[in-house]
Amino acid sequence: MGIWELFVIALGLSMDAFAVSICKGLSVRRCRARHMLLCGLYFGAFQALMPLLGYLLGAQFEALVSSIAPFAAFGLLALIGVNMLRESRGEAEQADDDFSPRAMLPLAVATSIDALAVGVSFALLRVHIAPAVTLIGLTTFATCVVGVKIGNVFGSRYRARAEFFGGLVLIAMGLKILLEHLLA
């Protein structure tokens, strides 16, 4: 998997955290650099950590499932993508102006669960994990920093579109992996 594909996956994975960052930006009267950096750090760190954990788990079972790896990767990415599409049509999450660890940790974990499954698919596809998790973490950091500012300036209009876009991207990447396998 090339850097471009990894970036597209990273962008898709970051959309949940981006949407929550927009909500966090909505919750503060005056957006400060501290707010943007905290969101970026929490979400970026967990979006990087979860695929690493998924990769380590997936590597343990790689020999058992290597023949079905492309199908499993497609299934996981499509499932995550469809879930994001469904969430994009739902109500916006309520966010308050609390940036404490007690408030941010659950949000960071909740928005990065899908990245755990992507990490499993990375193991099955034998993706080099260090550059992948670095790119995912940095992409999420950047999108969340921008998301807080966008939320503070523009409001909640873009939350649903961000989740919808992220879902489409993950489904498209899953299809690409499946088609490459079937046509090889």
C-alpha atoms as a PDB file:
ATOM      1  CA  MET A   1       0.000   0.000   0.000  1.00  0.00           C
ATOM      2  CA  GLY A   2       1.446   3.316  -1.083  1.00  0.00           C
ATOM      3  CA  ILE A   3       1.669   6.605   0.749  1.00  0.00           C
ATOM      4  CA  TRP A   4      -1.270   8.042  -1.196  1.00  0.00           C
ATOM      5  CA  GLU A   5      -3.565   5.168  -0.160  1.00  0.00           C
ATOM      6  CA  LEU A   6      -2.391   5.488   3.438  1.00  0.00           C
ATOM      7  CA  PHE A   7      -3.090   9.220   3.377  1.00  0.00           C
ATOM      8  CA  VAL A   8      -6.595   8.670   2.024  1.00  0.00           C
ATOM      9  CA  ILE A   9      -7.281   6.100   4.761  1.00  0.00           C
ATOM     10  CA  ALA A  10      -5.821   8.484   7.358  1.00  0.00           C
ATOM     11  CA  LEU A  11      -8.076  11.261   6.116  1.00  0.00           C
ATOM     12  CA  GLY A  12     -11.114   8.981   6.221  1.00  0.00           C
ATOM     13  CA  LEU A  13     -10.303   7.799   9.741  1.00  0.00           C
ATOM     14  CA  SER A  14      -9.806  11.357  10.954  1.00  0.00           C
ATOM     15  CA  MET A  15     -13.310  12.472   9.960  1.00  0.00           C
ATOM     16  CA  ASP A  16     -15.022  11.270  13.171  1.00  0.00           C
ATOM     17  CA  ALA A  17     -12.469  13.143  15.259  1.00  0.00           C
ATOM     18  CA  PHE A  18     -12.777  16.131  12.921  1.00  0.00           C
ATOM     19  CA  ALA A  19     -16.541  16.196  13.464  1.00  0.00           C
ATOM     20  CA  VAL A  20     -16.122  16.060  17.252  1.00  0.00           C
ATOM     21  CA  SER A  21     -13.474  18.794  17.019  1.00  0.00           C
ATOM     22  CA  ILE A  22     -15.964  20.976  15.181  1.00  0.00           C
ATOM     23  CA  CYS A  23     -18.408  20.396  18.050  1.00  0.00           C
ATOM     24  CA  LYS A  24     -15.704  21.281  20.580  1.00  0.00           C
ATOM     25  CA  GLY A  25     -15.017  24.464  18.608  1.00  0.00           C
ATOM     26  CA  LEU A  26     -18.718  25.294  18.760  1.00  0.00           C
ATOM     27  CA  SER A  27     -18.654  24.954  22.533  1.00  0.00           C
ATOM     28  CA  VAL A  28     -16.061  27.629  23.254  1.00  0.00           C
ATOM     29  CA  ARG A  29     -16.754  31.342  23.069  1.00  0.00           C
ATOM     30  CA  ARG A  30     -13.188  32.263  22.245  1.00  0.00           C
ATOM     31  CA  CYS A  31     -11.112  29.674  20.442  1.00  0.00           C
ATOM     32  CA  ARG A  32      -7.564  29.518  21.788  1.00  0.00           C
ATOM     33  CA  ALA A  33      -4.518  27.679  20.479  1.00  0.00           C
ATOM     34  CA  ARG A  34      -4.724  25.522  23.624  1.00  0.00           C
ATOM     35  CA  HIS A  35      -8.173  24.224  22.558  1.00  0.00           C
ATOM     36  CA  MET A  36      -6.970  23.354  19.065  1.00  0.00           C
ATOM     37  CA  LEU A  37      -3.765  21.694  20.270  1.00  0.00           C
ATOM     38  CA  LEU A  38      -5.534  19.638  22.934  1.00  0.00           C
ATOM     39  CA  CYS A  39      -8.037  18.258  20.431  1.00  0.00           C
ATOM     40  CA  GLY A  40      -5.278  17.562  17.932  1.00  0.00           C
ATOM     41  CA  LEU A  41      -3.089  15.817  20.494  1.00  0.00           C
ATOM     42  CA  TYR A  42      -5.801  13.669  22.069  1.00  0.00           C
ATOM     43  CA  PHE A  43      -7.411  12.589  18.825  1.00  0.00           C
ATOM     44  CA  GLY A  44      -4.161  12.288  16.869  1.00  0.00           C
ATOM     45  CA  ALA A  45      -2.511  10.172  19.561  1.00  0.00           C
ATOM     46  CA  PHE A  46      -5.432   7.767  19.851  1.00  0.00           C
ATOM     47  CA  GLN A  47      -5.906   7.544  16.087  1.00  0.00           C
ATOM     48  CA  ALA A  48      -2.238   6.484  15.886  1.00  0.00           C
ATOM     49  CA  LEU A  49      -2.332   4.157  18.892  1.00  0.00           C
ATOM     50  CA  MET A  50      -5.421   2.180  17.908  1.00  0.00           C
ATOM     51  CA  PRO A  51      -4.211   0.947  14.493  1.00  0.00           C
ATOM     52  CA  LEU A  52      -0.936  -0.033  16.133  1.00  0.00           C
ATOM     53  CA  LEU A  53      -2.839  -2.139  18.663  1.00  0.00           C
ATOM     54  CA  GLY A  54      -5.003  -3.576  15.880  1.00  0.00           C
ATOM     55  CA  TYR A  55      -1.894  -4.367  13.876  1.00  0.00           C
ATOM     56  CA  LEU A  56      -0.314  -6.201  16.803  1.00  0.00           C
ATOM     57  CA  LEU A  57      -3.496  -8.218  17.305  1.00  0.00           C
ATOM     58  CA  GLY A  58      -3.868  -8.914  13.589  1.00  0.00           C
ATOM     59  CA  ALA A  59      -0.239 -10.003  13.264  1.00  0.00           C
ATOM     60  CA  GLN A  60      -0.908 -12.736  15.819  1.00  0.00           C
ATOM     61  CA  PHE A  61      -3.578 -14.264  13.598  1.00  0.00           C
ATOM     62  CA  GLU A  62      -2.069 -13.421  10.217  1.00  0.00           C
ATOM     63  CA  ALA A  63      -1.072 -16.996   9.356  1.00  0.00           C
ATOM     64  CA  LEU A  64      -4.605 -18.194  10.008  1.00  0.00           C
ATOM     65  CA  VAL A  65      -6.317 -15.647   7.811  1.00  0.00           C
ATOM     66  CA  SER A  66      -3.771 -14.590   5.179  1.00  0.00           C
ATOM     67  CA  SER A  67      -5.810 -16.168   2.369  1.00  0.00           C
ATOM     68  CA  ILE A  68      -8.847 -14.076   3.249  1.00  0.00           C
ATOM     69  CA  ALA A  69      -6.954 -10.878   4.126  1.00  0.00           C
ATOM     70  CA  PRO A  70      -8.238  -8.738   1.222  1.00  0.00           C
ATOM     71  CA  PHE A  71     -11.813  -9.812   1.932  1.00  0.00           C
ATOM     72  CA  ALA A  72     -11.398  -9.101   5.640  1.00  0.00           C
ATOM     73  CA  ALA A  73      -9.848  -5.686   4.920  1.00  0.00           C
ATOM     74  CA  PHE A  74     -12.713  -4.860   2.547  1.00  0.00           C
ATOM     75  CA  GLY A  75     -15.291  -6.027   5.090  1.00  0.00           C
ATOM     76  CA  LEU A  76     -13.783  -4.028   7.943  1.00  0.00           C
ATOM     77  CA  LEU A  77     -13.329  -0.838   5.932  1.00  0.00           C
ATOM     78  CA  ALA A  78     -16.786  -1.113   4.363  1.00  0.00           C
ATOM     79  CA  LEU A  79     -18.419  -1.760   7.739  1.00  0.00           C
ATOM     80  CA  ILE A  80     -16.689   1.248   9.290  1.00  0.00           C
ATOM     81  CA  GLY A  81     -17.538   3.382   6.255  1.00  0.00           C
ATOM     82  CA  VAL A  82     -21.224   2.412   6.259  1.00  0.00           C
ATOM     83  CA  ASN A  83     -21.392   3.161   9.985  1.00  0.00           C
ATOM     84  CA  MET A  84     -19.900   6.609   9.374  1.00  0.00           C
ATOM     85  CA  LEU A  85     -22.425   7.232   6.581  1.00  0.00           C
ATOM     86  CA  ARG A  86     -25.246   6.291   8.950  1.00  0.00           C
ATOM     87  CA  GLU A  87     -23.851   8.539  11.705  1.00  0.00           C
ATOM     88  CA  SER A  88     -23.623  11.446   9.263  1.00  0.00           C
ATOM     89  CA  ARG A  89     -27.402  11.383   8.932  1.00  0.00           C
ATOM     90  CA  GLY A  90     -28.022  11.343  12.689  1.00  0.00           C
ATOM     91  CA  GLU A  91     -28.090  14.074  15.269  1.00  0.00           C
ATOM     92  CA  ALA A  92     -24.957  16.015  16.070  1.00  0.00           C
ATOM     93  CA  GLU A  93     -23.081  14.949  19.167  1.00  0.00           C
ATOM     94  CA  GLN A  94     -23.417  17.276  22.115  1.00  0.00           C
ATOM     95  CA  ALA A  95     -20.103  18.760  23.127  1.00  0.00           C
ATOM     96  CA  ASP A  96     -19.280  20.999  26.024  1.00  0.00           C
ATOM     97  CA  ASP A  97     -16.359  23.314  26.586  1.00  0.00           C
ATOM     98  CA  ASP A  98     -14.567  20.857  28.898  1.00  0.00           C
ATOM     99  CA  PHE A  99     -11.087  20.006  27.589  1.00  0.00           C
ATOM    100  CA  SER A 100      -9.980  18.080  30.684  1.00  0.00           C
ATOM    101  CA  PRO A 101      -8.651  14.513  30.378  1.00  0.00           C
ATOM    102  CA  ARG A 102     -11.914  13.264  31.902  1.00  0.00           C
ATOM    103  CA  ALA A 103     -13.831  14.789  28.992  1.00  0.00           C
ATOM    104  CA  MET A 104     -11.315  14.230  26.183  1.00  0.00           C
ATOM    105  CA  LEU A 105     -10.204  10.630  26.812  1.00  0.00           C
ATOM    106  CA  PRO A 106     -13.632   9.053  26.220  1.00  0.00           C
ATOM    107  CA  LEU A 107     -14.070  11.132  23.075  1.00  0.00           C
ATOM    108  CA  ALA A 108     -10.625  10.152  21.797  1.00  0.00           C
ATOM    109  CA  VAL A 109     -11.261   6.460  22.438  1.00  0.00           C
ATOM    110  CA  ALA A 110     -14.743   6.565  20.918  1.00  0.00           C
ATOM    111  CA  THR A 111     -13.571   8.252  17.729  1.00  0.00           C
ATOM    112  CA  SER A 112     -10.623   5.884  17.283  1.00  0.00           C
ATOM    113  CA  ILE A 113     -12.296   2.482  17.692  1.00  0.00           C
ATOM    114  CA  ASP A 114     -12.642   2.179  13.920  1.00  0.00           C
ATOM    115  CA  ALA A 115      -8.890   2.707  13.603  1.00  0.00           C
ATOM    116  CA  LEU A 116      -8.368  -0.480  15.648  1.00  0.00           C
ATOM    117  CA  ALA A 117     -10.128  -2.487  12.942  1.00  0.00           C
ATOM    118  CA  VAL A 118      -8.105  -0.741  10.247  1.00  0.00           C
ATOM    119  CA  GLY A 119      -4.945  -1.761  12.108  1.00  0.00           C
ATOM    120  CA  VAL A 120      -6.053  -5.399  11.943  1.00  0.00           C
ATOM    121  CA  SER A 121      -6.514  -5.054   8.179  1.00  0.00           C
ATOM    122  CA  PHE A 122      -3.046  -3.457   7.952  1.00  0.00           C
ATOM    123  CA  ALA A 123      -1.559  -6.547   9.574  1.00  0.00           C
ATOM    124  CA  LEU A 124      -3.402  -8.820   7.178  1.00  0.00           C
ATOM    125  CA  LEU A 125      -2.201  -6.765   4.214  1.00  0.00           C
ATOM    126  CA  ARG A 126       1.354  -6.551   5.598  1.00  0.00           C
ATOM    127  CA  VAL A 127       1.397  -2.768   5.600  1.00  0.00           C
ATOM    128  CA  HIS A 128       4.479  -1.162   7.158  1.00  0.00           C
ATOM    129  CA  ILE A 129       2.916   0.003  10.394  1.00  0.00           C
ATOM    130  CA  ALA A 130       5.309   2.747  11.551  1.00  0.00           C
ATOM    131  CA  PRO A 131       4.738   5.089   8.597  1.00  0.00           C
ATOM    132  CA  ALA A 132       1.026   4.223   8.572  1.00  0.00           C
ATOM    133  CA  VAL A 133       0.375   5.123  12.218  1.00  0.00           C
ATOM    134  CA  THR A 134       2.569   8.216  11.956  1.00  0.00           C
ATOM    135  CA  LEU A 135       0.614   9.450   8.960  1.00  0.00           C
ATOM    136  CA  ILE A 136      -2.730   8.639  10.610  1.00  0.00           C
ATOM    137  CA  GLY A 137      -1.734  10.453  13.797  1.00  0.00           C
ATOM    138  CA  LEU A 138      -0.392  13.525  12.015  1.00  0.00           C
ATOM    139  CA  THR A 139      -3.351  13.728   9.631  1.00  0.00           C
ATOM    140  CA  THR A 140      -5.797  13.466  12.513  1.00  0.00           C
ATOM    141  CA  PHE A 141      -3.870  16.050  14.512  1.00  0.00           C
ATOM    142  CA  ALA A 142      -4.019  18.510  11.610  1.00  0.00           C
ATOM    143  CA  THR A 143      -7.690  17.924  10.801  1.00  0.00           C
ATOM    144  CA  CYS A 144      -8.682  18.308  14.453  1.00  0.00           C
ATOM    145  CA  VAL A 145      -6.733  21.526  14.935  1.00  0.00           C
ATOM    146  CA  VAL A 146      -8.500  22.925  11.887  1.00  0.00           C
ATOM    147  CA  GLY A 147     -11.820  21.388  13.009  1.00  0.00           C
ATOM    148  CA  VAL A 148     -11.860  23.269  16.311  1.00  0.00           C
ATOM    149  CA  LYS A 149     -11.289  26.537  14.478  1.00  0.00           C
ATOM    150  CA  ILE A 150     -13.910  25.747  11.833  1.00  0.00           C
ATOM    151  CA  GLY A 151     -16.430  24.827  14.537  1.00  0.00           C
ATOM    152  CA  ASN A 152     -15.764  28.064  16.343  1.00  0.00           C
ATOM    153  CA  VAL A 153     -16.055  30.167  13.201  1.00  0.00           C
ATOM    154  CA  PHE A 154     -18.641  28.426  11.006  1.00  0.00           C
ATOM    155  CA  GLY A 155     -20.790  26.301  13.275  1.00  0.00           C
ATOM    156  CA  SER A 156     -22.108  22.773  12.870  1.00  0.00           C
ATOM    157  CA  ARG A 157     -22.991  22.855   9.152  1.00  0.00           C
ATOM    158  CA  TYR A 158     -20.015  20.712   8.143  1.00  0.00           C
ATOM    159  CA  ARG A 159     -20.123  17.921  10.761  1.00  0.00           C
ATOM    160  CA  ALA A 160     -22.405  15.633   8.763  1.00  0.00           C
ATOM    161  CA  ARG A 161     -20.543  16.263   5.515  1.00  0.00           C
ATOM    162  CA  ALA A 162     -17.215  15.410   7.139  1.00  0.00           C
ATOM    163  CA  GLU A 163     -18.505  12.097   8.494  1.00  0.00           C
ATOM    164  CA  PHE A 164     -20.215  11.295   5.198  1.00  0.00           C
ATOM    165  CA  PHE A 165     -17.007  12.002   3.250  1.00  0.00           C
ATOM    166  CA  GLY A 166     -14.962   9.898   5.676  1.00  0.00           C
ATOM    167  CA  GLY A 167     -17.356   6.976   5.282  1.00  0.00           C
ATOM    168  CA  LEU A 168     -17.213   7.159   1.487  1.00  0.00           C
ATOM    169  CA  VAL A 169     -13.421   7.259   1.545  1.00  0.00           C
ATOM    170  CA  LEU A 170     -13.151   4.145   3.721  1.00  0.00           C
ATOM    171  CA  ILE A 171     -15.638   2.222   1.576  1.00  0.00           C
ATOM    172  CA  ALA A 172     -13.746   3.244  -1.578  1.00  0.00           C
ATOM    173  CA  MET A 173     -10.422   2.100  -0.111  1.00  0.00           C
ATOM    174  CA  GLY A 174     -11.976  -1.230   0.880  1.00  0.00           C
ATOM    175  CA  LEU A 175     -13.291  -1.697  -2.653  1.00  0.00           C
ATOM    176  CA  LYS A 176      -9.892  -0.810  -4.098  1.00  0.00           C
ATOM    177  CA  ILE A 177      -8.181  -3.466  -1.951  1.00  0.00           C
ATOM    178  CA  LEU A 178     -10.777  -6.072  -2.906  1.00  0.00           C
ATOM    179  CA  LEU A 179     -10.637  -5.273  -6.616  1.00  0.00           C
ATOM    180  CA  GLU A 180      -6.833  -5.319  -6.666  1.00  0.00           C
ATOM    181  CA  HIS A 181      -6.926  -8.788  -5.108  1.00  0.00           C
ATOM    182  CA  LEU A 182      -9.611 -10.114  -7.436  1.00  0.00           C
ATOM    183  CA  LEU A 183      -7.974  -8.715 -10.566  1.00  0.00           C
ATOM    184  CA  ALA A 184      -4.440  -9.841  -9.644  1.00  0.00           C
END
